[in-house]
Amino acid sequence: MDTISWQDFEQIDLRVGTIVTAEVFAEARQPAYILHVDFGAEIGVLKSSAQITDLYQPEGLVGQQVIGVVNFPPKQIGPIQSQCLITGFPQADGAVVLIQPERPVENGLKLA
C-alpha cells in the first residue's frame, strides 16, 4: 500500500452529520437508500445514495449520525445526484457497517 502525506489526508473533508430522511432508492441498479444528511450550518443538508440495505432499514437510520466525505464532486447515480459519500466498512459478505461516532457530536465537525 502506498503511503500518503499529511497534506494528502487534509484534502479529504470527513464530517459528521445526522440522517434526516432515508428512503428506498427504487431506481438503483444495486439495492440502496437515498439519504439526506444534515452536516450543520456551514455545509447544510446533502444527499447520498448508500448501498447499506443489508443491515439497515430506512426508519432506523433517521436520527443516526454518520461520517461522510463532503468534498467529492457530485456524482449522478440514476435520477439523483449524490453530493457526499457516507463511509462504512464492507464485510466479507458485502454488507456495509456504517462508521458512526460512539457518542453524539455537533453536526459538521471535521474528523481530526
PDB file of N, CA and C in Angstrom:
ATOM      1  N   MET A   1       0.845  -1.177   0.000  1.00  0.00           N
ATOM      2  CA  MET A   1       0.000   0.000   0.000  1.00  0.00           C
ATOM      3  C   MET A   1       0.891   1.240   0.000  1.00  0.00           C
ATOM      4  N   ASP A   2       0.528   2.200  -0.830  1.00  0.00           N
ATOM      5  CA  ASP A   2       1.277   3.452  -0.880  1.00  0.00           C
ATOM      6  C   ASP A   2       0.955   4.305   0.342  1.00  0.00           C
ATOM      7  N   THR A   3       1.939   5.039   0.804  1.00  0.00           N
ATOM      8  CA  THR A   3       1.708   5.974   1.896  1.00  0.00           C
ATOM      9  C   THR A   3       1.307   7.327   1.311  1.00  0.00           C
ATOM     10  N   ILE A   4       0.613   8.127   2.120  1.00  0.00           N
ATOM     11  CA  ILE A   4       0.236   9.474   1.715  1.00  0.00           C
ATOM     12  C   ILE A   4       0.805  10.455   2.717  1.00  0.00           C
ATOM     13  N   SER A   5       0.868  11.694   2.315  1.00  0.00           N
ATOM     14  CA  SER A   5       1.374  12.721   3.218  1.00  0.00           C
ATOM     15  C   SER A   5       0.223  13.259   4.072  1.00  0.00           C
ATOM     16  N   TRP A   6       0.577  13.984   5.111  1.00  0.00           N
ATOM     17  CA  TRP A   6      -0.435  14.641   5.939  1.00  0.00           C
ATOM     18  C   TRP A   6      -1.252  15.602   5.084  1.00  0.00           C
ATOM     19  N   GLN A   7      -0.592  16.273   4.147  1.00  0.00           N
ATOM     20  CA  GLN A   7      -1.295  17.203   3.255  1.00  0.00           C
ATOM     21  C   GLN A   7      -2.323  16.478   2.399  1.00  0.00           C
ATOM     22  N   ASP A   8      -2.019  15.255   1.967  1.00  0.00           N
ATOM     23  CA  ASP A   8      -2.993  14.461   1.209  1.00  0.00           C
ATOM     24  C   ASP A   8      -4.219  14.184   2.081  1.00  0.00           C
ATOM     25  N   PHE A   9      -3.989  13.766   3.321  1.00  0.00           N
ATOM     26  CA  PHE A   9      -5.091  13.456   4.235  1.00  0.00           C
ATOM     27  C   PHE A   9      -5.948  14.689   4.502  1.00  0.00           C
ATOM     28  N   GLU A  10      -5.307  15.836   4.664  1.00  0.00           N
ATOM     29  CA  GLU A  10      -6.046  17.062   4.949  1.00  0.00           C
ATOM     30  C   GLU A  10      -6.986  17.469   3.816  1.00  0.00           C
ATOM     31  N   GLN A  11      -6.750  16.965   2.618  1.00  0.00           N
ATOM     32  CA  GLN A  11      -7.617  17.293   1.484  1.00  0.00           C
ATOM     33  C   GLN A  11      -8.960  16.570   1.558  1.00  0.00           C
ATOM     34  N   ILE A  12      -9.045  15.491   2.312  1.00  0.00           N
ATOM     35  CA  ILE A  12     -10.291  14.731   2.445  1.00  0.00           C
ATOM     36  C   ILE A  12     -11.100  15.363   3.573  1.00  0.00           C
ATOM     37  N   ASP A  13     -12.261  15.890   3.235  1.00  0.00           N
ATOM     38  CA  ASP A  13     -13.100  16.574   4.218  1.00  0.00           C
ATOM     39  C   ASP A  13     -14.142  15.604   4.765  1.00  0.00           C
ATOM     40  N   LEU A  14     -13.795  14.956   5.880  1.00  0.00           N
ATOM     41  CA  LEU A  14     -14.678  13.999   6.553  1.00  0.00           C
ATOM     42  C   LEU A  14     -15.407  14.718   7.673  1.00  0.00           C
ATOM     43  N   ARG A  15     -16.742  14.710   7.611  1.00  0.00           N
ATOM     44  CA  ARG A  15     -17.558  15.422   8.595  1.00  0.00           C
ATOM     45  C   ARG A  15     -18.623  14.492   9.167  1.00  0.00           C
ATOM     46  N   VAL A  16     -19.086  14.845  10.357  1.00  0.00           N
ATOM     47  CA  VAL A  16     -20.185  14.121  10.976  1.00  0.00           C
ATOM     48  C   VAL A  16     -21.493  14.818  10.610  1.00  0.00           C
ATOM     49  N   GLY A  17     -22.502  14.008  10.355  1.00  0.00           N
ATOM     50  CA  GLY A  17     -23.823  14.540  10.047  1.00  0.00           C
ATOM     51  C   GLY A  17     -24.897  13.605  10.563  1.00  0.00           C
ATOM     52  N   THR A  18     -26.114  14.119  10.654  1.00  0.00           N
ATOM     53  CA  THR A  18     -27.251  13.336  11.125  1.00  0.00           C
ATOM     54  C   THR A  18     -28.191  13.064   9.958  1.00  0.00           C
ATOM     55  N   ILE A  19     -28.586  11.818   9.807  1.00  0.00           N
ATOM     56  CA  ILE A  19     -29.524  11.439   8.752  1.00  0.00           C
ATOM     57  C   ILE A  19     -30.901  12.006   9.106  1.00  0.00           C
ATOM     58  N   VAL A  20     -31.441  12.834   8.211  1.00  0.00           N
ATOM     59  CA  VAL A  20     -32.756  13.443   8.459  1.00  0.00           C
ATOM     60  C   VAL A  20     -33.862  12.731   7.699  1.00  0.00           C
ATOM     61  N   THR A  21     -33.548  12.124   6.545  1.00  0.00           N
ATOM     62  CA  THR A  21     -34.504  11.278   5.837  1.00  0.00           C
ATOM     63  C   THR A  21     -33.762  10.128   5.189  1.00  0.00           C
ATOM     64  N   ALA A  22     -34.453   9.009   5.065  1.00  0.00           N
ATOM     65  CA  ALA A  22     -33.906   7.825   4.403  1.00  0.00           C
ATOM     66  C   ALA A  22     -35.065   7.133   3.690  1.00  0.00           C
ATOM     67  N   GLU A  23     -34.862   6.856   2.406  1.00  0.00           N
ATOM     68  CA  GLU A  23     -35.915   6.191   1.634  1.00  0.00           C
ATOM     69  C   GLU A  23     -35.285   5.202   0.670  1.00  0.00           C
ATOM     70  N   VAL A  24     -36.063   4.215   0.269  1.00  0.00           N
ATOM     71  CA  VAL A  24     -35.589   3.233  -0.692  1.00  0.00           C
ATOM     72  C   VAL A  24     -35.335   3.924  -2.027  1.00  0.00           C
ATOM     73  N   PHE A  25     -34.205   3.630  -2.631  1.00  0.00           N
ATOM     74  CA  PHE A  25     -33.835   4.165  -3.942  1.00  0.00           C
ATOM     75  C   PHE A  25     -34.304   3.140  -4.977  1.00  0.00           C
ATOM     76  N   ALA A  26     -35.568   3.247  -5.356  1.00  0.00           N
ATOM     77  CA  ALA A  26     -36.213   2.240  -6.209  1.00  0.00           C
ATOM     78  C   ALA A  26     -35.540   2.091  -7.569  1.00  0.00           C
ATOM     79  N   GLU A  27     -34.985   3.159  -8.116  1.00  0.00           N
ATOM     80  CA  GLU A  27     -34.392   3.112  -9.451  1.00  0.00           C
ATOM     81  C   GLU A  27     -32.943   2.619  -9.459  1.00  0.00           C
ATOM     82  N   ALA A  28     -32.362   2.395  -8.320  1.00  0.00           N
ATOM     83  CA  ALA A  28     -30.952   1.975  -8.250  1.00  0.00           C
ATOM     84  C   ALA A  28     -30.770   0.571  -8.820  1.00  0.00           C
ATOM     85  N   ARG A  29     -29.630   0.359  -9.488  1.00  0.00           N
ATOM     86  CA  ARG A  29     -29.314  -0.971 -10.031  1.00  0.00           C
ATOM     87  C   ARG A  29     -29.011  -1.965  -8.914  1.00  0.00           C
ATOM     88  N   GLN A  30     -28.301  -1.499  -7.891  1.00  0.00           N
ATOM     89  CA  GLN A  30     -27.999  -2.300  -6.699  1.00  0.00           C
ATOM     90  C   GLN A  30     -28.883  -1.757  -5.579  1.00  0.00           C
ATOM     91  N   PRO A  31     -29.392  -2.594  -4.685  1.00  0.00           N
ATOM     92  CA  PRO A  31     -30.239  -2.081  -3.596  1.00  0.00           C
ATOM     93  C   PRO A  31     -29.542  -0.956  -2.830  1.00  0.00           C
ATOM     94  N   ALA A  32     -30.250   0.140  -2.644  1.00  0.00           N
ATOM     95  CA  ALA A  32     -29.668   1.317  -1.990  1.00  0.00           C
ATOM     96  C   ALA A  32     -30.766   2.173  -1.379  1.00  0.00           C
ATOM     97  N   TYR A  33     -30.333   3.099  -0.533  1.00  0.00           N
ATOM     98  CA  TYR A  33     -31.223   4.107   0.037  1.00  0.00           C
ATOM     99  C   TYR A  33     -30.755   5.479  -0.425  1.00  0.00           C
ATOM    100  N   ILE A  34     -31.698   6.410  -0.480  1.00  0.00           N
ATOM    101  CA  ILE A  34     -31.365   7.816  -0.663  1.00  0.00           C
ATOM    102  C   ILE A  34     -31.394   8.432   0.728  1.00  0.00           C
ATOM    103  N   LEU A  35     -30.265   8.981   1.143  1.00  0.00           N
ATOM    104  CA  LEU A  35     -30.149   9.610   2.457  1.00  0.00           C
ATOM    105  C   LEU A  35     -30.009  11.115   2.291  1.00  0.00           C
ATOM    106  N   HIS A  36     -30.665  11.852   3.163  1.00  0.00           N
ATOM    107  CA  HIS A  36     -30.431  13.287   3.298  1.00  0.00           C
ATOM    108  C   HIS A  36     -29.773  13.466   4.660  1.00  0.00           C
ATOM    109  N   VAL A  37     -28.560  14.027   4.654  1.00  0.00           N
ATOM    110  CA  VAL A  37     -27.747  14.105   5.869  1.00  0.00           C
ATOM    111  C   VAL A  37     -27.451  15.569   6.184  1.00  0.00           C
ATOM    112  N   ASP A  38     -27.755  15.971   7.416  1.00  0.00           N
ATOM    113  CA  ASP A  38     -27.503  17.341   7.876  1.00  0.00           C
ATOM    114  C   ASP A  38     -26.081  17.432   8.414  1.00  0.00           C
ATOM    115  N   PHE A  39     -25.232  18.169   7.679  1.00  0.00           N
ATOM    116  CA  PHE A  39     -23.842  18.363   8.072  1.00  0.00           C
ATOM    117  C   PHE A  39     -23.618  19.715   8.741  1.00  0.00           C
ATOM    118  N   GLY A  40     -24.651  20.301   9.320  1.00  0.00           N
ATOM    119  CA  GLY A  40     -24.503  21.548  10.066  1.00  0.00           C
ATOM    120  C   GLY A  40     -24.670  22.775   9.200  1.00  0.00           C
ATOM    121  N   ALA A  41     -24.612  23.944   9.867  1.00  0.00           N
ATOM    122  CA  ALA A  41     -24.915  25.220   9.217  1.00  0.00           C
ATOM    123  C   ALA A  41     -23.964  25.553   8.071  1.00  0.00           C
ATOM    124  N   GLU A  42     -22.688  25.235   8.205  1.00  0.00           N
ATOM    125  CA  GLU A  42     -21.700  25.592   7.176  1.00  0.00           C
ATOM    126  C   GLU A  42     -21.931  24.834   5.864  1.00  0.00           C
ATOM    127  N   ILE A  43     -22.294  23.560   5.952  1.00  0.00           N
ATOM    128  CA  ILE A  43     -22.422  22.706   4.765  1.00  0.00           C
ATOM    129  C   ILE A  43     -23.882  22.489   4.381  1.00  0.00           C
ATOM    130  N   GLY A  44     -24.741  22.308   5.370  1.00  0.00           N
ATOM    131  CA  GLY A  44     -26.156  22.084   5.103  1.00  0.00           C
ATOM    132  C   GLY A  44     -26.492  20.615   4.927  1.00  0.00           C
ATOM    133  N   VAL A  45     -27.645  20.362   4.313  1.00  0.00           N
ATOM    134  CA  VAL A  45     -28.127  19.000   4.086  1.00  0.00           C
ATOM    135  C   VAL A  45     -27.676  18.547   2.702  1.00  0.00           C
ATOM    136  N   LEU A  46     -26.995  17.396   2.664  1.00  0.00           N
ATOM    137  CA  LEU A  46     -26.526  16.811   1.407  1.00  0.00           C
ATOM    138  C   LEU A  46     -27.204  15.468   1.179  1.00  0.00           C
ATOM    139  N   LYS A  47     -27.338  15.110  -0.100  1.00  0.00           N
ATOM    140  CA  LYS A  47     -27.986  13.859  -0.499  1.00  0.00           C
ATOM    141  C   LYS A  47     -26.919  12.835  -0.867  1.00  0.00           C
ATOM    142  N   SER A  48     -27.204  11.565  -0.539  1.00  0.00           N
ATOM    143  CA  SER A  48     -26.281  10.489  -0.878  1.00  0.00           C
ATOM    144  C   SER A  48     -27.058   9.223  -1.212  1.00  0.00           C
ATOM    145  N   SER A  49     -26.525   8.462  -2.162  1.00  0.00           N
ATOM    146  CA  SER A  49     -27.021   7.113  -2.423  1.00  0.00           C
ATOM    147  C   SER A  49     -26.121   6.169  -1.639  1.00  0.00           C
ATOM    148  N   ALA A  50     -26.720   5.326  -0.809  1.00  0.00           N
ATOM    149  CA  ALA A  50     -25.927   4.453   0.059  1.00  0.00           C
ATOM    150  C   ALA A  50     -26.397   3.007  -0.057  1.00  0.00           C
ATOM    151  N   GLN A  51     -25.474   2.121  -0.405  1.00  0.00           N
ATOM    152  CA  GLN A  51     -25.786   0.691  -0.518  1.00  0.00           C
ATOM    153  C   GLN A  51     -25.594   0.025   0.848  1.00  0.00           C
ATOM    154  N   ILE A  52     -26.536   0.283   1.730  1.00  0.00           N
ATOM    155  CA  ILE A  52     -26.457  -0.205   3.115  1.00  0.00           C
ATOM    156  C   ILE A  52     -27.716  -0.976   3.508  1.00  0.00           C
ATOM    157  N   THR A  53     -28.379  -1.561   2.516  1.00  0.00           N
ATOM    158  CA  THR A  53     -29.684  -2.191   2.763  1.00  0.00           C
ATOM    159  C   THR A  53     -29.606  -3.526   3.497  1.00  0.00           C
ATOM    160  N   ASP A  54     -28.443  -4.157   3.534  1.00  0.00           N
ATOM    161  CA  ASP A  54     -28.339  -5.464   4.193  1.00  0.00           C
ATOM    162  C   ASP A  54     -28.529  -5.375   5.707  1.00  0.00           C
ATOM    163  N   LEU A  55     -28.030  -4.316   6.316  1.00  0.00           N
ATOM    164  CA  LEU A  55     -28.038  -4.226   7.778  1.00  0.00           C
ATOM    165  C   LEU A  55     -28.940  -3.136   8.338  1.00  0.00           C
ATOM    166  N   TYR A  56     -29.486  -2.277   7.478  1.00  0.00           N
ATOM    167  CA  TYR A  56     -30.235  -1.119   7.959  1.00  0.00           C
ATOM    168  C   TYR A  56     -31.573  -0.994   7.245  1.00  0.00           C
ATOM    169  N   GLN A  57     -32.567  -0.487   7.970  1.00  0.00           N
ATOM    170  CA  GLN A  57     -33.878  -0.154   7.428  1.00  0.00           C
ATOM    171  C   GLN A  57     -34.010   1.366   7.452  1.00  0.00           C
ATOM    172  N   PRO A  58     -34.724   1.958   6.487  1.00  0.00           N
ATOM    173  CA  PRO A  58     -34.809   3.417   6.423  1.00  0.00           C
ATOM    174  C   PRO A  58     -35.273   4.066   7.729  1.00  0.00           C
ATOM    175  N   GLU A  59     -36.309   3.519   8.345  1.00  0.00           N
ATOM    176  CA  GLU A  59     -36.845   4.138   9.563  1.00  0.00           C
ATOM    177  C   GLU A  59     -35.852   4.106  10.724  1.00  0.00           C
ATOM    178  N   GLY A  60     -34.959   3.131  10.742  1.00  0.00           N
ATOM    179  CA  GLY A  60     -33.951   3.042  11.796  1.00  0.00           C
ATOM    180  C   GLY A  60     -32.751   3.954  11.562  1.00  0.00           C
ATOM    181  N   LEU A  61     -32.614   4.460  10.349  1.00  0.00           N
ATOM    182  CA  LEU A  61     -31.483   5.327  10.028  1.00  0.00           C
ATOM    183  C   LEU A  61     -31.716   6.783  10.425  1.00  0.00           C
ATOM    184  N   VAL A  62     -32.965   7.216  10.391  1.00  0.00           N
ATOM    185  CA  VAL A  62     -33.277   8.611  10.703  1.00  0.00           C
ATOM    186  C   VAL A  62     -32.851   8.920  12.136  1.00  0.00           C
ATOM    187  N   GLY A  63     -32.068   9.995  12.283  1.00  0.00           N
ATOM    188  CA  GLY A  63     -31.552  10.386  13.589  1.00  0.00           C
ATOM    189  C   GLY A  63     -30.170   9.842  13.886  1.00  0.00           C
ATOM    190  N   GLN A  64     -29.684   8.902  13.074  1.00  0.00           N
ATOM    191  CA  GLN A  64     -28.352   8.330  13.282  1.00  0.00           C
ATOM    192  C   GLN A  64     -27.285   9.291  12.754  1.00  0.00           C
ATOM    193  N   GLN A  65     -26.185   9.381  13.471  1.00  0.00           N
ATOM    194  CA  GLN A  65     -25.060  10.174  12.978  1.00  0.00           C
ATOM    195  C   GLN A  65     -24.126   9.274  12.186  1.00  0.00           C
ATOM    196  N   VAL A  66     -23.577   9.841  11.103  1.00  0.00           N
ATOM    197  CA  VAL A  66     -22.672   9.120  10.214  1.00  0.00           C
ATOM    198  C   VAL A  66     -21.498  10.027   9.861  1.00  0.00           C
ATOM    199  N   ILE A  67     -20.484   9.435   9.262  1.00  0.00           N
ATOM    200  CA  ILE A  67     -19.320  10.187   8.787  1.00  0.00           C
ATOM    201  C   ILE A  67     -19.370  10.182   7.259  1.00  0.00           C
ATOM    202  N   GLY A  68     -19.237  11.384   6.677  1.00  0.00           N
ATOM    203  CA  GLY A  68     -19.294  11.487   5.225  1.00  0.00           C
ATOM    204  C   GLY A  68     -18.160  12.324   4.665  1.00  0.00           C
ATOM    205  N   VAL A  69     -17.754  11.979   3.450  1.00  0.00           N
ATOM    206  CA  VAL A  69     -16.813  12.803   2.693  1.00  0.00           C
ATOM    207  C   VAL A  69     -17.662  13.848   1.974  1.00  0.00           C
ATOM    208  N   VAL A  70     -17.417  15.121   2.271  1.00  0.00           N
ATOM    209  CA  VAL A  70     -18.282  16.178   1.740  1.00  0.00           C
ATOM    210  C   VAL A  70     -17.626  17.014   0.639  1.00  0.00           C
ATOM    211  N   ASN A  71     -16.407  16.657   0.246  1.00  0.00           N
ATOM    212  CA  ASN A  71     -15.750  17.461  -0.791  1.00  0.00           C
ATOM    213  C   ASN A  71     -15.429  16.685  -2.067  1.00  0.00           C
ATOM    214  N   PHE A  72     -16.120  15.562  -2.299  1.00  0.00           N
ATOM    215  CA  PHE A  72     -16.066  14.928  -3.609  1.00  0.00           C
ATOM    216  C   PHE A  72     -16.980  15.709  -4.538  1.00  0.00           C
ATOM    217  N   PRO A  73     -16.713  15.702  -5.846  1.00  0.00           N
ATOM    218  CA  PRO A  73     -17.658  16.342  -6.758  1.00  0.00           C
ATOM    219  C   PRO A  73     -18.962  15.536  -6.773  1.00  0.00           C
ATOM    220  N   PRO A  74     -20.095  16.186  -7.030  1.00  0.00           N
ATOM    221  CA  PRO A  74     -21.360  15.452  -7.120  1.00  0.00           C
ATOM    222  C   PRO A  74     -21.262  14.352  -8.179  1.00  0.00           C
ATOM    223  N   LYS A  75     -21.972  13.246  -7.927  1.00  0.00           N
ATOM    224  CA  LYS A  75     -21.952  12.111  -8.851  1.00  0.00           C
ATOM    225  C   LYS A  75     -23.388  11.751  -9.214  1.00  0.00           C
ATOM    226  N   GLN A  76     -23.667  11.700 -10.509  1.00  0.00           N
ATOM    227  CA  GLN A  76     -25.006  11.334 -10.964  1.00  0.00           C
ATOM    228  C   GLN A  76     -25.167   9.824 -10.832  1.00  0.00           C
ATOM    229  N   ILE A  77     -26.171   9.388 -10.090  1.00  0.00           N
ATOM    230  CA  ILE A  77     -26.467   7.974  -9.909  1.00  0.00           C
ATOM    231  C   ILE A  77     -27.939   7.801 -10.288  1.00  0.00           C
ATOM    232  N   GLY A  78     -28.165   7.338 -11.502  1.00  0.00           N
ATOM    233  CA  GLY A  78     -29.536   7.243 -11.999  1.00  0.00           C
ATOM    234  C   GLY A  78     -30.168   8.628 -11.981  1.00  0.00           C
ATOM    235  N   PRO A  79     -31.370   8.741 -11.402  1.00  0.00           N
ATOM    236  CA  PRO A  79     -32.063  10.027 -11.417  1.00  0.00           C
ATOM    237  C   PRO A  79     -31.647  10.997 -10.314  1.00  0.00           C
ATOM    238  N   ILE A  80     -30.730  10.592  -9.424  1.00  0.00           N
ATOM    239  CA  ILE A  80     -30.334  11.509  -8.352  1.00  0.00           C
ATOM    240  C   ILE A  80     -28.868  11.904  -8.483  1.00  0.00           C
ATOM    241  N   GLN A  81     -28.545  13.032  -7.886  1.00  0.00           N
ATOM    242  CA  GLN A  81     -27.157  13.475  -7.827  1.00  0.00           C
ATOM    243  C   GLN A  81     -26.681  13.289  -6.389  1.00  0.00           C
ATOM    244  N   SER A  82     -25.737  12.374  -6.200  1.00  0.00           N
ATOM    245  CA  SER A  82     -25.170  12.120  -4.883  1.00  0.00           C
ATOM    246  C   SER A  82     -24.144  13.204  -4.582  1.00  0.00           C
ATOM    247  N   GLN A  83     -24.297  13.880  -3.444  1.00  0.00           N
ATOM    248  CA  GLN A  83     -23.467  15.034  -3.107  1.00  0.00           C
ATOM    249  C   GLN A  83     -22.395  14.734  -2.070  1.00  0.00           C
ATOM    250  N   CYS A  84     -22.433  13.549  -1.477  1.00  0.00           N
ATOM    251  CA  CYS A  84     -21.440  13.168  -0.471  1.00  0.00           C
ATOM    252  C   CYS A  84     -21.322  11.660  -0.457  1.00  0.00           C
ATOM    253  N   LEU A  85     -20.264  11.164   0.185  1.00  0.00           N
ATOM    254  CA  LEU A  85     -20.052   9.730   0.326  1.00  0.00           C
ATOM    255  C   LEU A  85     -20.152   9.376   1.798  1.00  0.00           C
ATOM    256  N   ILE A  86     -21.123   8.545   2.140  1.00  0.00           N
ATOM    257  CA  ILE A  86     -21.269   8.072   3.517  1.00  0.00           C
ATOM    258  C   ILE A  86     -20.332   6.882   3.690  1.00  0.00           C
ATOM    259  N   THR A  87     -19.547   6.887   4.753  1.00  0.00           N
ATOM    260  CA  THR A  87     -18.496   5.889   4.931  1.00  0.00           C
ATOM    261  C   THR A  87     -18.963   4.678   5.733  1.00  0.00           C
ATOM    262  N   GLY A  88     -18.352   3.545   5.413  1.00  0.00           N
ATOM    263  CA  GLY A  88     -18.662   2.309   6.117  1.00  0.00           C
ATOM    264  C   GLY A  88     -17.615   1.260   5.810  1.00  0.00           C
ATOM    265  N   PHE A  89     -17.703   0.160   6.542  1.00  0.00           N
ATOM    266  CA  PHE A  89     -16.779  -0.958   6.364  1.00  0.00           C
ATOM    267  C   PHE A  89     -17.512  -2.122   5.717  1.00  0.00           C
ATOM    268  N   PRO A  90     -17.118  -2.529   4.494  1.00  0.00           N
ATOM    269  CA  PRO A  90     -17.751  -3.698   3.880  1.00  0.00           C
ATOM    270  C   PRO A  90     -17.229  -4.973   4.545  1.00  0.00           C
ATOM    271  N   GLN A  91     -18.166  -5.841   4.885  1.00  0.00           N
ATOM    272  CA  GLN A  91     -17.814  -7.128   5.473  1.00  0.00           C
ATOM    273  C   GLN A  91     -17.588  -8.151   4.354  1.00  0.00           C
ATOM    274  N   ALA A  92     -17.133  -9.346   4.704  1.00  0.00           N
ATOM    275  CA  ALA A  92     -16.847 -10.391   3.716  1.00  0.00           C
ATOM    276  C   ALA A  92     -18.063 -10.717   2.854  1.00  0.00           C
ATOM    277  N   ASP A  93     -19.259 -10.634   3.428  1.00  0.00           N
ATOM    278  CA  ASP A  93     -20.479 -10.942   2.669  1.00  0.00           C
ATOM    279  C   ASP A  93     -20.994  -9.754   1.860  1.00  0.00           C
ATOM    280  N   GLY A  94     -20.299  -8.619   1.912  1.00  0.00           N
ATOM    281  CA  GLY A  94     -20.701  -7.435   1.159  1.00  0.00           C
ATOM    282  C   GLY A  94     -21.548  -6.453   1.941  1.00  0.00           C
ATOM    283  N   ALA A  95     -22.076  -6.861   3.091  1.00  0.00           N
ATOM    284  CA  ALA A  95     -22.871  -5.951   3.920  1.00  0.00           C
ATOM    285  C   ALA A  95     -21.968  -4.847   4.462  1.00  0.00           C
ATOM    286  N   VAL A  96     -22.479  -3.617   4.475  1.00  0.00           N
ATOM    287  CA  VAL A  96     -21.685  -2.467   4.916  1.00  0.00           C
ATOM    288  C   VAL A  96     -22.117  -2.036   6.317  1.00  0.00           C
ATOM    289  N   VAL A  97     -21.145  -1.889   7.209  1.00  0.00           N
ATOM    290  CA  VAL A  97     -21.370  -1.371   8.559  1.00  0.00           C
ATOM    291  C   VAL A  97     -20.974   0.103   8.549  1.00  0.00           C
ATOM    292  N   LEU A  98     -21.914   0.968   8.886  1.00  0.00           N
ATOM    293  CA  LEU A  98     -21.660   2.406   8.875  1.00  0.00           C
ATOM    294  C   LEU A  98     -20.623   2.812   9.915  1.00  0.00           C
ATOM    295  N   ILE A  99     -19.841   3.822   9.577  1.00  0.00           N
ATOM    296  CA  ILE A  99     -18.929   4.431  10.541  1.00  0.00           C
ATOM    297  C   ILE A  99     -19.714   5.513  11.267  1.00  0.00           C
ATOM    298  N   GLN A 100     -19.749   5.419  12.595  1.00  0.00           N
ATOM    299  CA  GLN A 100     -20.525   6.353  13.403  1.00  0.00           C
ATOM    300  C   GLN A 100     -19.737   6.759  14.639  1.00  0.00           C
ATOM    301  N   PRO A 101     -19.923   8.019  15.102  1.00  0.00           N
ATOM    302  CA  PRO A 101     -19.274   8.403  16.363  1.00  0.00           C
ATOM    303  C   PRO A 101     -19.876   7.592  17.512  1.00  0.00           C
ATOM    304  N   GLU A 102     -19.078   7.315  18.526  1.00  0.00           N
ATOM    305  CA  GLU A 102     -19.557   6.486  19.637  1.00  0.00           C
ATOM    306  C   GLU A 102     -20.460   7.240  20.601  1.00  0.00           C
ATOM    307  N   ARG A 103     -20.545   8.555  20.432  1.00  0.00           N
ATOM    308  CA  ARG A 103     -21.493   9.370  21.197  1.00  0.00           C
ATOM    309  C   ARG A 103     -21.875  10.568  20.339  1.00  0.00           C
ATOM    310  N   PRO A 104     -23.031  11.189  20.609  1.00  0.00           N
ATOM    311  CA  PRO A 104     -23.467  12.321  19.777  1.00  0.00           C
ATOM    312  C   PRO A 104     -22.472  13.476  19.810  1.00  0.00           C
ATOM    313  N   VAL A 105     -22.253  14.051  18.615  1.00  0.00           N
ATOM    314  CA  VAL A 105     -21.405  15.229  18.475  1.00  0.00           C
ATOM    315  C   VAL A 105     -22.126  16.228  17.578  1.00  0.00           C
ATOM    316  N   GLU A 106     -21.635  17.450  17.543  1.00  0.00           N
ATOM    317  CA  GLU A 106     -22.251  18.504  16.749  1.00  0.00           C
ATOM    318  C   GLU A 106     -22.110  18.200  15.249  1.00  0.00           C
ATOM    319  N   ASN A 107     -23.225  18.332  14.521  1.00  0.00           N
ATOM    320  CA  ASN A 107     -23.178  18.144  13.069  1.00  0.00           C
ATOM    321  C   ASN A 107     -22.178  19.112  12.452  1.00  0.00           C
ATOM    322  N   GLY A 108     -21.427  18.600  11.476  1.00  0.00           N
ATOM    323  CA  GLY A 108     -20.477  19.423  10.753  1.00  0.00           C
ATOM    324  C   GLY A 108     -19.055  19.357  11.272  1.00  0.00           C
ATOM    325  N   LEU A 109     -18.854  18.755  12.454  1.00  0.00           N
ATOM    326  CA  LEU A 109     -17.477  18.669  12.960  1.00  0.00           C
ATOM    327  C   LEU A 109     -16.621  17.850  11.992  1.00  0.00           C
ATOM    328  N   LYS A 110     -15.394  18.318  11.800  1.00  0.00           N
ATOM    329  CA  LYS A 110     -14.467  17.667  10.880  1.00  0.00           C
ATOM    330  C   LYS A 110     -13.646  16.624  11.631  1.00  0.00           C
ATOM    331  N   LEU A 111     -13.464  15.485  10.989  1.00  0.00           N
ATOM    332  CA  LEU A 111     -12.621  14.432  11.562  1.00  0.00           C
ATOM    333  C   LEU A 111     -11.199  14.970  11.688  1.00  0.00           C
ATOM    334  N   ALA A 112     -10.610  14.746  12.853  1.00  0.00           N
ATOM    335  CA  ALA A 112      -9.248  15.240  13.093  1.00  0.00           C
ATOM    336  C   ALA A 112      -8.324  14.077  13.405  1.00  0.00           C
TER     337      ALA A 112
END
